[in-house]
C-alpha atoms as a PDB file:
ATOM      1  CA  MET A   1     136.954 102.777  97.719  1.00  0.00           C
ATOM      2  CA  ARG A   2     134.638 102.532 100.735  1.00  0.00           C
ATOM      3  CA  ILE A   3     131.744 104.961 100.405  1.00  0.00           C
ATOM      4  CA  VAL A   4     129.246 106.251 102.989  1.00  0.00           C
ATOM      5  CA  SER A   5     126.242 108.101 101.608  1.00  0.00           C
ATOM      6  CA  LEU A   6     124.250 110.338 103.940  1.00  0.00           C
ATOM      7  CA  LEU A   7     121.596 111.332 101.453  1.00  0.00           C
ATOM      8  CA  PRO A   8     119.186 108.973  99.673  1.00  0.00           C
ATOM      9  CA  SER A   9     119.584 110.712  96.308  1.00  0.00           C
ATOM     10  CA  LEU A  10     123.385 110.297  96.498  1.00  0.00           C
ATOM     11  CA  THR A  11     122.939 106.647  97.399  1.00  0.00           C
ATOM     12  CA  GLU A  12     120.829 106.237  94.242  1.00  0.00           C
ATOM     13  CA  LEU A  13     123.388 108.121  92.208  1.00  0.00           C
ATOM     14  CA  VAL A  14     126.339 105.972  93.384  1.00  0.00           C
ATOM     15  CA  CYS A  15     124.331 102.875  92.442  1.00  0.00           C
ATOM     16  CA  ALA A  16     123.249 104.277  89.051  1.00  0.00           C
ATOM     17  CA  LEU A  17     126.949 104.967  88.324  1.00  0.00           C
ATOM     18  CA  GLY A  18     127.692 101.294  88.882  1.00  0.00           C
ATOM     19  CA  HIS A  19     129.293 101.440  92.343  1.00  0.00           C
ATOM     20  CA  GLN A  20     126.639  99.984  94.652  1.00  0.00           C
ATOM     21  CA  GLY A  21     129.187  97.440  95.856  1.00  0.00           C
ATOM     22  CA  ALA A  22     131.387 100.237  97.233  1.00  0.00           C
ATOM     23  CA  LEU A  23     128.734 101.500  99.650  1.00  0.00           C
ATOM     24  CA  VAL A  24     129.430 100.497 103.220  1.00  0.00           C
ATOM     25  CA  GLY A  25     126.891 102.673 105.087  1.00  0.00           C
ATOM     26  CA  VAL A  26     123.764 104.719 104.281  1.00  0.00           C
ATOM     27  CA  THR A  27     120.976 106.608 106.020  1.00  0.00           C
ATOM     28  CA  HIS A  28     117.895 105.092 107.610  1.00  0.00           C
ATOM     29  CA  GLU A  29     115.868 106.547 104.697  1.00  0.00           C
ATOM     30  CA  CYS A  30     117.893 105.000 101.892  1.00  0.00           C
ATOM     31  CA  ASP A  31     115.527 102.469 100.222  1.00  0.00           C
ATOM     32  CA  TYR A  32     116.441 102.366  96.535  1.00  0.00           C
ATOM     33  CA  PRO A  33     117.705 100.438  94.678  1.00  0.00           C
ATOM     34  CA  VAL A  34     116.872  97.146  96.322  1.00  0.00           C
ATOM     35  CA  GLY A  35     119.651  96.015  98.684  1.00  0.00           C
ATOM     36  CA  VAL A  36     120.845  99.393  99.984  1.00  0.00           C
ATOM     37  CA  GLU A  37     118.348  99.177 102.844  1.00  0.00           C
ATOM     38  CA  GLN A  38     120.335  96.251 104.236  1.00  0.00           C
ATOM     39  CA  LEU A  39     123.496  98.296 104.677  1.00  0.00           C
ATOM     40  CA  PRO A  40     124.385  99.780 108.084  1.00  0.00           C
ATOM     41  CA  HIS A  41     122.267 102.824 108.941  1.00  0.00           C
ATOM     42  CA  LEU A  42     124.259 105.816 110.156  1.00  0.00           C
ATOM     43  CA  THR A  43     121.391 108.164 110.933  1.00  0.00           C
ATOM     44  CA  ARG A  44     118.160 108.311 112.828  1.00  0.00           C
ATOM     45  CA  SER A  45     115.333 110.834 113.068  1.00  0.00           C
ATOM     46  CA  ARG A  46     114.331 112.618 116.273  1.00  0.00           C
ATOM     47  CA  ILE A  47     110.716 112.618 115.101  1.00  0.00           C
ATOM     48  CA  ALA A  48     108.339 109.654 115.317  1.00  0.00           C
ATOM     49  CA  ALA A  49     107.597 108.221 111.871  1.00  0.00           C
ATOM     50  CA  ALA A  50     103.835 108.322 112.554  1.00  0.00           C
ATOM     51  CA  ALA A  51     103.787 112.024 113.529  1.00  0.00           C
ATOM     52  CA  SER A  52     101.267 114.180 111.649  1.00  0.00           C
ATOM     53  CA  SER A  53     102.334 116.885 109.190  1.00  0.00           C
ATOM     54  CA  ALA A  54     101.505 119.565 111.737  1.00  0.00           C
ATOM     55  CA  ALA A  55     103.491 117.782 114.477  1.00  0.00           C
ATOM     56  CA  ILE A  56     106.497 117.393 112.164  1.00  0.00           C
ATOM     57  CA  ASP A  57     106.361 121.075 111.232  1.00  0.00           C
ATOM     58  CA  ALA A  58     106.196 122.047 114.889  1.00  0.00           C
ATOM     59  CA  ALA A  59     109.177 119.840 115.645  1.00  0.00           C
ATOM     60  CA  VAL A  60     111.174 121.406 112.776  1.00  0.00           C
ATOM     61  CA  VAL A  61     110.533 124.872 114.281  1.00  0.00           C
ATOM     62  CA  ALA A  62     111.362 123.730 117.786  1.00  0.00           C
ATOM     63  CA  GLU A  63     114.577 121.971 116.733  1.00  0.00           C
ATOM     64  CA  GLY A  64     115.717 124.805 114.553  1.00  0.00           C
ATOM     65  CA  GLY A  65     115.520 122.635 111.453  1.00  0.00           C
ATOM     66  CA  SER A  66     117.908 119.856 112.534  1.00  0.00           C
ATOM     67  CA  LEU A  67     116.049 116.544 112.745  1.00  0.00           C
ATOM     68  CA  TYR A  68     118.701 113.892 112.356  1.00  0.00           C
ATOM     69  CA  GLU A  69     121.411 112.303 114.441  1.00  0.00           C
ATOM     70  CA  LEU A  70     124.616 110.758 113.134  1.00  0.00           C
ATOM     71  CA  ASP A  71     126.137 107.610 114.591  1.00  0.00           C
ATOM     72  CA  GLY A  72     129.762 108.682 114.820  1.00  0.00           C
ATOM     73  CA  ALA A  73     130.911 105.473 116.427  1.00  0.00           C
ATOM     74  CA  LEU A  74     129.485 103.374 113.619  1.00  0.00           C
ATOM     75  CA  LEU A  75     130.935 105.718 111.039  1.00  0.00           C
ATOM     76  CA  ALA A  76     134.387 105.155 112.560  1.00  0.00           C
ATOM     77  CA  GLN A  77     133.912 101.412 112.486  1.00  0.00           C
ATOM     78  CA  LEU A  78     133.054 101.490 108.765  1.00  0.00           C
ATOM     79  CA  CYS A  79     136.366 103.218 107.893  1.00  0.00           C
ATOM     80  CA  PRO A  80     135.083 105.092 104.823  1.00  0.00           C
ATOM     81  CA  ASP A  81     137.370 106.674 102.264  1.00  0.00           C
ATOM     82  CA  LEU A  82     134.584 108.919 100.935  1.00  0.00           C
ATOM     83  CA  ILE A  83     131.603 110.419 102.782  1.00  0.00           C
ATOM     84  CA  LEU A  84     128.847 111.961 100.620  1.00  0.00           C
ATOM     85  CA  THR A  85     126.575 114.480 102.286  1.00  0.00           C
ATOM     86  CA  GLN A  86     124.651 117.697 101.578  1.00  0.00           C
ATOM     87  CA  GLU A  87     124.467 121.294 102.720  1.00  0.00           C
ATOM     88  CA  GLN A  88     121.056 122.076 101.346  1.00  0.00           C
ATOM     89  CA  CYS A  89     118.529 121.224 104.021  1.00  0.00           C
ATOM     90  CA  ASP A  90     118.859 120.098 107.667  1.00  0.00           C
ATOM     91  CA  VAL A  91     115.230 118.977 107.557  1.00  0.00           C
ATOM     92  CA  CYS A  92     116.038 116.515 104.785  1.00  0.00           C
ATOM     93  CA  ALA A  93     119.286 115.011 105.991  1.00  0.00           C
ATOM     94  CA  VAL A  94     121.942 115.129 108.667  1.00  0.00           C
ATOM     95  CA  ASN A  95     123.615 118.547 109.136  1.00  0.00           C
ATOM     96  CA  GLU A  96     126.750 119.030 107.028  1.00  0.00           C
ATOM     97  CA  ALA A  97     128.728 120.701 109.809  1.00  0.00           C
ATOM     98  CA  THR A  98     128.053 117.710 112.037  1.00  0.00           C
ATOM     99  CA  VAL A  99     129.317 115.359 109.344  1.00  0.00           C
ATOM    100  CA  ARG A 100     132.540 117.320 108.844  1.00  0.00           C
ATOM    101  CA  ARG A 101     133.151 117.573 112.592  1.00  0.00           C
ATOM    102  CA  VAL A 102     132.803 113.822 113.065  1.00  0.00           C
ATOM    103  CA  ALA A 103     134.822 113.015 109.924  1.00  0.00           C
ATOM    104  CA  ALA A 104     137.666 115.260 111.112  1.00  0.00           C
ATOM    105  CA  GLY A 105     138.219 112.935 114.055  1.00  0.00           C
ATOM    106  CA  LEU A 106     138.296 109.695 112.073  1.00  0.00           C
ATOM    107  CA  PRO A 107     141.464 107.761 111.248  1.00  0.00           C
ATOM    108  CA  GLY A 108     142.628 108.389 107.725  1.00  0.00           C
ATOM    109  CA  LEU A 109     140.662 111.616 107.452  1.00  0.00           C
ATOM    110  CA  PRO A 110     138.088 110.439 104.854  1.00  0.00           C
ATOM    111  CA  ARG A 111     137.175 112.840 102.099  1.00  0.00           C
ATOM    112  CA  VAL A 112     133.855 114.609 102.656  1.00  0.00           C
ATOM    113  CA  GLU A 113     131.981 115.711  99.536  1.00  0.00           C
ATOM    114  CA  SER A 114     128.953 117.899 100.060  1.00  0.00           C
ATOM    115  CA  VAL A 115     126.383 118.845  97.413  1.00  0.00           C
ATOM    116  CA  ASN A 116     123.805 121.657  97.230  1.00  0.00           C
ATOM    117  CA  PRO A 117     121.809 121.430  93.992  1.00  0.00           C
ATOM    118  CA  THR A 118     119.149 124.122  93.619  1.00  0.00           C
ATOM    119  CA  CYS A 119     118.243 123.703  89.913  1.00  0.00           C
ATOM    120  CA  LEU A 120     118.543 121.158  87.095  1.00  0.00           C
ATOM    121  CA  ALA A 121     121.887 122.607  85.937  1.00  0.00           C
ATOM    122  CA  ASP A 122     123.249 122.014  89.429  1.00  0.00           C
ATOM    123  CA  LEU A 123     122.019 118.459  89.287  1.00  0.00           C
ATOM    124  CA  ASP A 124     123.925 117.849  86.017  1.00  0.00           C
ATOM    125  CA  ALA A 125     127.010 119.284  87.680  1.00  0.00           C
ATOM    126  CA  MET A 126     126.468 117.035  90.712  1.00  0.00           C
ATOM    127  CA  PHE A 127     126.181 113.935  88.517  1.00  0.00           C
ATOM    128  CA  ARG A 128     129.434 114.849  86.780  1.00  0.00           C
ATOM    129  CA  ARG A 129     131.223 115.662  90.051  1.00  0.00           C
ATOM    130  CA  ILE A 130     130.371 112.320  91.625  1.00  0.00           C
ATOM    131  CA  GLY A 131     131.118 110.623  88.354  1.00  0.00           C
ATOM    132  CA  VAL A 132     134.631 112.029  88.402  1.00  0.00           C
ATOM    133  CA  LEU A 133     135.134 110.955  92.031  1.00  0.00           C
ATOM    134  CA  LEU A 134     134.069 107.361  91.198  1.00  0.00           C
ATOM    135  CA  GLY A 135     135.799 107.159  87.848  1.00  0.00           C
ATOM    136  CA  ALA A 136     132.395 106.880  86.183  1.00  0.00           C
ATOM    137  CA  GLU A 137     132.351 109.925  83.901  1.00  0.00           C
ATOM    138  CA  GLU A 138     130.739 108.107  81.003  1.00  0.00           C
ATOM    139  CA  GLU A 139     128.023 106.672  83.246  1.00  0.00           C
ATOM    140  CA  ALA A 140     127.256 110.161  84.543  1.00  0.00           C
ATOM    141  CA  GLU A 141     127.006 111.567  81.064  1.00  0.00           C
ATOM    142  CA  ALA A 142     124.630 108.729  80.128  1.00  0.00           C
ATOM    143  CA  LEU A 143     122.298 109.651  82.985  1.00  0.00           C
ATOM    144  CA  ILE A 144     122.269 113.268  81.906  1.00  0.00           C
ATOM    145  CA  ALA A 145     121.672 112.277  78.282  1.00  0.00           C
ATOM    146  CA  ARG A 146     118.747 110.045  79.317  1.00  0.00           C
ATOM    147  CA  PHE A 147     117.056 112.965  81.113  1.00  0.00           C
ATOM    148  CA  ASP A 148     117.637 115.233  78.107  1.00  0.00           C
ATOM    149  CA  ALA A 149     116.121 112.580  75.792  1.00  0.00           C
ATOM    150  CA  THR A 150     112.987 112.478  77.936  1.00  0.00           C
ATOM    151  CA  VAL A 151     112.759 116.276  77.783  1.00  0.00           C
ATOM    152  CA  ALA A 152     112.966 116.135  74.011  1.00  0.00           C
ATOM    153  CA  ALA A 153     110.366 113.352  73.756  1.00  0.00           C
ATOM    154  CA  ILE A 154     107.866 115.310  75.868  1.00  0.00           C
ATOM    155  CA  ALA A 155     108.475 118.448  73.849  1.00  0.00           C
ATOM    156  CA  ARG A 156     107.729 116.595  70.588  1.00  0.00           C
ATOM    157  CA  ARG A 157     104.557 115.088  72.006  1.00  0.00           C
ATOM    158  CA  ARG A 158     103.288 118.386  73.356  1.00  0.00           C
ATOM    159  CA  GLN A 159     104.161 120.602  70.412  1.00  0.00           C
ATOM    160  CA  GLY A 160     101.374 123.145  69.946  1.00  0.00           C
ATOM    161  CA  ARG A 161      99.450 122.064  73.037  1.00  0.00           C
ATOM    162  CA  PRO A 162      98.471 124.599  75.730  1.00  0.00           C
ATOM    163  CA  LEU A 163     100.391 125.101  78.991  1.00  0.00           C
ATOM    164  CA  ARG A 164      98.568 124.186  82.190  1.00  0.00           C
ATOM    165  CA  ARG A 165      98.652 126.136  85.500  1.00  0.00           C
ATOM    166  CA  VAL A 166     100.185 123.833  88.094  1.00  0.00           C
ATOM    167  CA  LEU A 167     100.904 123.961  91.832  1.00  0.00           C
ATOM    168  CA  VAL A 168     103.257 121.475  93.433  1.00  0.00           C
ATOM    169  CA  LEU A 169     102.639 121.214  97.198  1.00  0.00           C
ATOM    170  CA  GLU A 170     105.436 119.556  99.182  1.00  0.00           C
ATOM    171  CA  TRP A 171     103.666 119.905 102.565  1.00  0.00           C
ATOM    172  CA  PHE A 172     100.034 120.225 103.664  1.00  0.00           C
ATOM    173  CA  ASP A 173      99.852 121.366 107.301  1.00  0.00           C
ATOM    174  CA  PRO A 174     100.918 124.072 106.815  1.00  0.00           C
ATOM    175  CA  PRO A 175     101.037 124.156 103.036  1.00  0.00           C
ATOM    176  CA  PHE A 176     104.442 124.627 101.429  1.00  0.00           C
ATOM    177  CA  SER A 177     105.200 125.509  97.852  1.00  0.00           C
ATOM    178  CA  SER A 178     107.861 123.565  95.974  1.00  0.00           C
ATOM    179  CA  GLY A 179     111.010 125.295  94.760  1.00  0.00           C
ATOM    180  CA  HIS A 180     114.487 124.316  93.599  1.00  0.00           C
ATOM    181  CA  TRP A 181     114.290 122.105  90.481  1.00  0.00           C
ATOM    182  CA  ASN A 182     110.573 121.312  90.607  1.00  0.00           C
ATOM    183  CA  PRO A 183     109.271 124.435  88.831  1.00  0.00           C
ATOM    184  CA  GLU A 184     111.664 123.546  85.991  1.00  0.00           C
ATOM    185  CA  ILE A 185     110.321 119.992  85.987  1.00  0.00           C
ATOM    186  CA  VAL A 186     106.794 121.409  85.715  1.00  0.00           C
ATOM    187  CA  ALA A 187     107.845 123.712  82.810  1.00  0.00           C
ATOM    188  CA  LEU A 188     109.483 120.865  80.899  1.00  0.00           C
ATOM    189  CA  ALA A 189     106.406 118.759  81.425  1.00  0.00           C
ATOM    190  CA  GLY A 190     104.064 121.351  79.912  1.00  0.00           C
ATOM    191  CA  GLY A 191     103.007 123.457  82.866  1.00  0.00           C
ATOM    192  CA  VAL A 192     103.547 126.786  84.589  1.00  0.00           C
ATOM    193  CA  GLU A 193     104.170 126.680  88.342  1.00  0.00           C
ATOM    194  CA  VAL A 194     101.798 129.262  89.819  1.00  0.00           C
ATOM    195  CA  ILE A 195     103.569 129.814  93.167  1.00  0.00           C
ATOM    196  CA  GLY A 196     106.919 128.018  93.385  1.00  0.00           C
ATOM    197  CA  GLU A 197     109.998 129.673  91.888  1.00  0.00           C
ATOM    198  CA  ALA A 198     112.833 127.809  90.155  1.00  0.00           C
ATOM    199  CA  GLY A 199     116.080 127.832  92.065  1.00  0.00           C
ATOM    200  CA  GLN A 200     114.448 129.183  95.216  1.00  0.00           C
ATOM    201  CA  ARG A 201     113.646 127.416  98.458  1.00  0.00           C
ATOM    202  CA  SER A 202     110.174 126.041  99.098  1.00  0.00           C
ATOM    203  CA  ARG A 203     108.243 128.339 101.369  1.00  0.00           C
ATOM    204  CA  ARG A 204     105.373 128.260 103.847  1.00  0.00           C
ATOM    205  CA  LEU A 205     102.082 129.370 102.285  1.00  0.00           C
ATOM    206  CA  SER A 206      98.699 130.432 103.605  1.00  0.00           C
ATOM    207  CA  TRP A 207      95.636 128.688 102.333  1.00  0.00           C
ATOM    208  CA  ASP A 208      94.488 132.101 101.082  1.00  0.00           C
ATOM    209  CA  GLU A 209      97.520 132.151  98.751  1.00  0.00           C
ATOM    210  CA  VAL A 210      96.638 128.698  97.464  1.00  0.00           C
ATOM    211  CA  ALA A 211      93.015 129.725  96.900  1.00  0.00           C
ATOM    212  CA  GLU A 212      94.056 132.910  95.098  1.00  0.00           C
ATOM    213  CA  ALA A 213      96.394 131.007  92.770  1.00  0.00           C
ATOM    214  CA  ASP A 214      93.596 128.488  92.056  1.00  0.00           C
ATOM    215  CA  PRO A 215      95.658 126.151  89.840  1.00  0.00           C
ATOM    216  CA  GLU A 216      94.219 123.918  87.156  1.00  0.00           C
ATOM    217  CA  LEU A 217      96.341 121.050  88.391  1.00  0.00           C
ATOM    218  CA  ILE A 218      97.854 120.228  91.788  1.00  0.00           C
ATOM    219  CA  VAL A 219     100.665 117.742  92.433  1.00  0.00           C
ATOM    220  CA  LEU A 220     100.666 116.552  96.017  1.00  0.00           C
ATOM    221  CA  SER A 221     104.291 115.457  96.716  1.00  0.00           C
ATOM    222  CA  PRO A 222     104.991 115.909 100.430  1.00  0.00           C
ATOM    223  CA  CYS A 223     108.738 115.735 101.132  1.00  0.00           C
ATOM    224  CA  GLY A 224     109.781 112.390 102.514  1.00  0.00           C
ATOM    225  CA  PHE A 225     106.307 110.827 102.421  1.00  0.00           C
ATOM    226  CA  THR A 226     105.338 107.719 100.485  1.00  0.00           C
ATOM    227  CA  ILE A 227     101.911 107.550  98.878  1.00  0.00           C
ATOM    228  CA  ALA A 228     100.617 105.409 101.739  1.00  0.00           C
ATOM    229  CA  ARG A 229     101.899 107.970 104.273  1.00  0.00           C
ATOM    230  CA  THR A 230     100.363 110.836 102.348  1.00  0.00           C
ATOM    231  CA  GLU A 231      97.029 109.076 102.174  1.00  0.00           C
ATOM    232  CA  GLU A 232      96.885 109.236 105.980  1.00  0.00           C
ATOM    233  CA  GLU A 233      96.906 113.058 105.666  1.00  0.00           C
ATOM    234  CA  LEU A 234      94.273 113.381 102.971  1.00  0.00           C
ATOM    235  CA  SER A 235      91.223 113.484 105.214  1.00  0.00           C
ATOM    236  CA  ALA A 236      92.562 116.540 107.045  1.00  0.00           C
ATOM    237  CA  LEU A 237      93.448 118.173 103.721  1.00  0.00           C
ATOM    238  CA  GLU A 238      90.015 117.483 102.257  1.00  0.00           C
ATOM    239  CA  ALA A 239      88.335 118.907 105.360  1.00  0.00           C
ATOM    240  CA  ARG A 240      89.732 122.375 104.687  1.00  0.00           C
ATOM    241  CA  PRO A 241      86.988 124.668 103.267  1.00  0.00           C
ATOM    242  CA  GLU A 242      89.423 126.137 100.684  1.00  0.00           C
ATOM    243  CA  TRP A 243      90.279 122.679  99.297  1.00  0.00           C
ATOM    244  CA  SER A 244      86.960 121.784  97.748  1.00  0.00           C
ATOM    245  CA  ARG A 245      86.644 125.195  96.094  1.00  0.00           C
ATOM    246  CA  LEU A 246      89.868 124.842  94.103  1.00  0.00           C
ATOM    247  CA  GLU A 247      89.500 124.325  90.344  1.00  0.00           C
ATOM    248  CA  ALA A 248      91.975 121.387  90.341  1.00  0.00           C
ATOM    249  CA  VAL A 249      90.021 119.620  93.066  1.00  0.00           C
ATOM    250  CA  ARG A 250      86.599 120.120  91.419  1.00  0.00           C
ATOM    251  CA  SER A 251      87.821 118.961  88.004  1.00  0.00           C
ATOM    252  CA  GLY A 252      89.841 115.905  89.042  1.00  0.00           C
ATOM    253  CA  GLY A 253      93.141 117.592  88.469  1.00  0.00           C
ATOM    254  CA  VAL A 254      94.867 116.510  91.643  1.00  0.00           C
ATOM    255  CA  THR A 255      97.729 113.993  91.386  1.00  0.00           C
ATOM    256  CA  LEU A 256      99.138 112.189  94.423  1.00  0.00           C
ATOM    257  CA  VAL A 257     102.861 111.342  94.141  1.00  0.00           C
ATOM    258  CA  ASP A 258     105.400 109.401  96.174  1.00  0.00           C
ATOM    259  CA  GLY A 259     107.415 112.496  97.242  1.00  0.00           C
ATOM    260  CA  SER A 260     110.014 110.405  98.929  1.00  0.00           C
ATOM    261  CA  ALA A 261     110.908 108.615  95.736  1.00  0.00           C
ATOM    262  CA  TYR A 262     110.478 111.301  93.158  1.00  0.00           C
ATOM    263  CA  PHE A 263     110.105 115.111  93.258  1.00  0.00           C
ATOM    264  CA  SER A 264     111.813 115.613  96.593  1.00  0.00           C
ATOM    265  CA  ARG A 265     114.780 113.377  95.828  1.00  0.00           C
ATOM    266  CA  PRO A 266     117.332 115.033  93.501  1.00  0.00           C
ATOM    267  CA  GLY A 267     118.840 111.942  91.949  1.00  0.00           C
ATOM    268  CA  PRO A 268     118.561 109.739  88.875  1.00  0.00           C
ATOM    269  CA  ARG A 269     114.807 109.240  89.325  1.00  0.00           C
ATOM    270  CA  LEU A 270     114.097 112.906  88.647  1.00  0.00           C
ATOM    271  CA  GLU A 271     113.707 111.740  85.058  1.00  0.00           C
ATOM    272  CA  MET A 272     110.794 109.649  86.281  1.00  0.00           C
ATOM    273  CA  SER A 273     109.430 112.683  88.127  1.00  0.00           C
ATOM    274  CA  LEU A 274     109.418 114.481  84.815  1.00  0.00           C
ATOM    275  CA  LYS A 275     107.451 111.684  83.199  1.00  0.00           C
ATOM    276  CA  ILE A 276     104.948 111.670  86.046  1.00  0.00           C
ATOM    277  CA  ALA A 277     104.530 115.432  85.780  1.00  0.00           C
ATOM    278  CA  ALA A 278     103.991 115.180  81.987  1.00  0.00           C
ATOM    279  CA  ALA A 279     101.424 112.410  82.457  1.00  0.00           C
ATOM    280  CA  ALA A 280      99.563 114.467  85.132  1.00  0.00           C
ATOM    281  CA  ILE A 281      99.605 117.631  83.016  1.00  0.00           C
ATOM    282  CA  ASP A 282      98.759 116.081  79.628  1.00  0.00           C
ATOM    283  CA  PRO A 283      97.477 112.487  79.997  1.00  0.00           C
ATOM    284  CA  GLU A 284      96.387 112.378  76.384  1.00  0.00           C
ATOM    285  CA  ALA A 285      99.831 113.078  74.984  1.00  0.00           C
ATOM    286  CA  CYS A 286     102.091 111.756  77.772  1.00  0.00           C
ATOM    287  CA  GLY A 287     100.074 109.368  79.954  1.00  0.00           C
ATOM    288  CA  ASP A 288     101.968 106.318  78.784  1.00  0.00           C
ATOM    289  CA  LEU A 289     105.347 107.714  79.827  1.00  0.00           C
ATOM    290  CA  ALA A 290     104.851 107.482  83.597  1.00  0.00           C
ATOM    291  CA  PRO A 291     105.348 104.319  85.700  1.00  0.00           C
ATOM    292  CA  ARG A 292     102.254 102.431  86.857  1.00  0.00           C
ATOM    293  CA  GLU A 293     103.177 102.865  90.523  1.00  0.00           C
ATOM    294  CA  GLY A 294     104.312 105.810  92.588  1.00  0.00           C
ATOM    295  CA  TRP A 295     101.494 108.175  91.628  1.00  0.00           C
ATOM    296  CA  ARG A 296      97.718 108.313  91.115  1.00  0.00           C
ATOM    297  CA  ARG A 297      95.036 110.806  90.268  1.00  0.00           C
ATOM    298  CA  LEU A 298      92.453 111.659  92.888  1.00  0.00           C
ATOM    299  CA  PRO A 299      88.790 111.711  91.820  1.00  0.00           C
ATOM    300  CA  ALA A 300      86.974 114.997  91.356  1.00  0.00           C
ATOM    301  CA  VAL A 301      85.083 116.321  94.336  1.00  0.00           C
END
């Protein structure tokens, strides 16, 4: 089977299921595991990589949400049997309708599989669905079992400990709450998401809403941004008058996360997102679970 993946999380899933060698093309954002970045890139973004958060948001509005272009000629050259894509968010990946239109004109009519996970149960179903397609059902079940084992380990460590009020921000200018699976991740890690709703889309916020929620802890995980990229935005965030008045900011309860790798990417590394969330929420009980890289706490203001 020759596989094209048009979503980084699906690229990771294919590899985690033991089929990295079957991949023949990926997106320009696919960077994990090592080696996939060397495969042919079938997409490109219409927005400059160095654009500010505000500029990116303005471009999303102007473009109607569609930010990516698909290289149909290269897709034809790669002769895929299976194309993996998504229908969830045109801001996050190439538009599904575009993929299906291009695929319909290819020789052999490759199969197009589109996913739209909105919660953790959907993610389990997605793992199983792709596992069946690749003949890797046992590997898919093992990934699900590993996540469940981490959930159980965190629950044991945190038994009897208080819940913390948490806000996950996936954009800064303007601020956006985090929805879909992330409120569930927060809950499993020992927190209560104060704005975002499980299974719902992230939404644009006002800074007044953020100030009114006044969380104990904030996870900064801007969608598609690495830590280094996010750090470029911190000075503008810290300059906002509301920011320094937040309890989380004053108490050192702000955690900066690689949103590109973890919370925004619904693939096998969501288990690591859960560990990071647990370490941020309860460092005493769960601090040793999280990886050394990919996240850090900001000092109190």
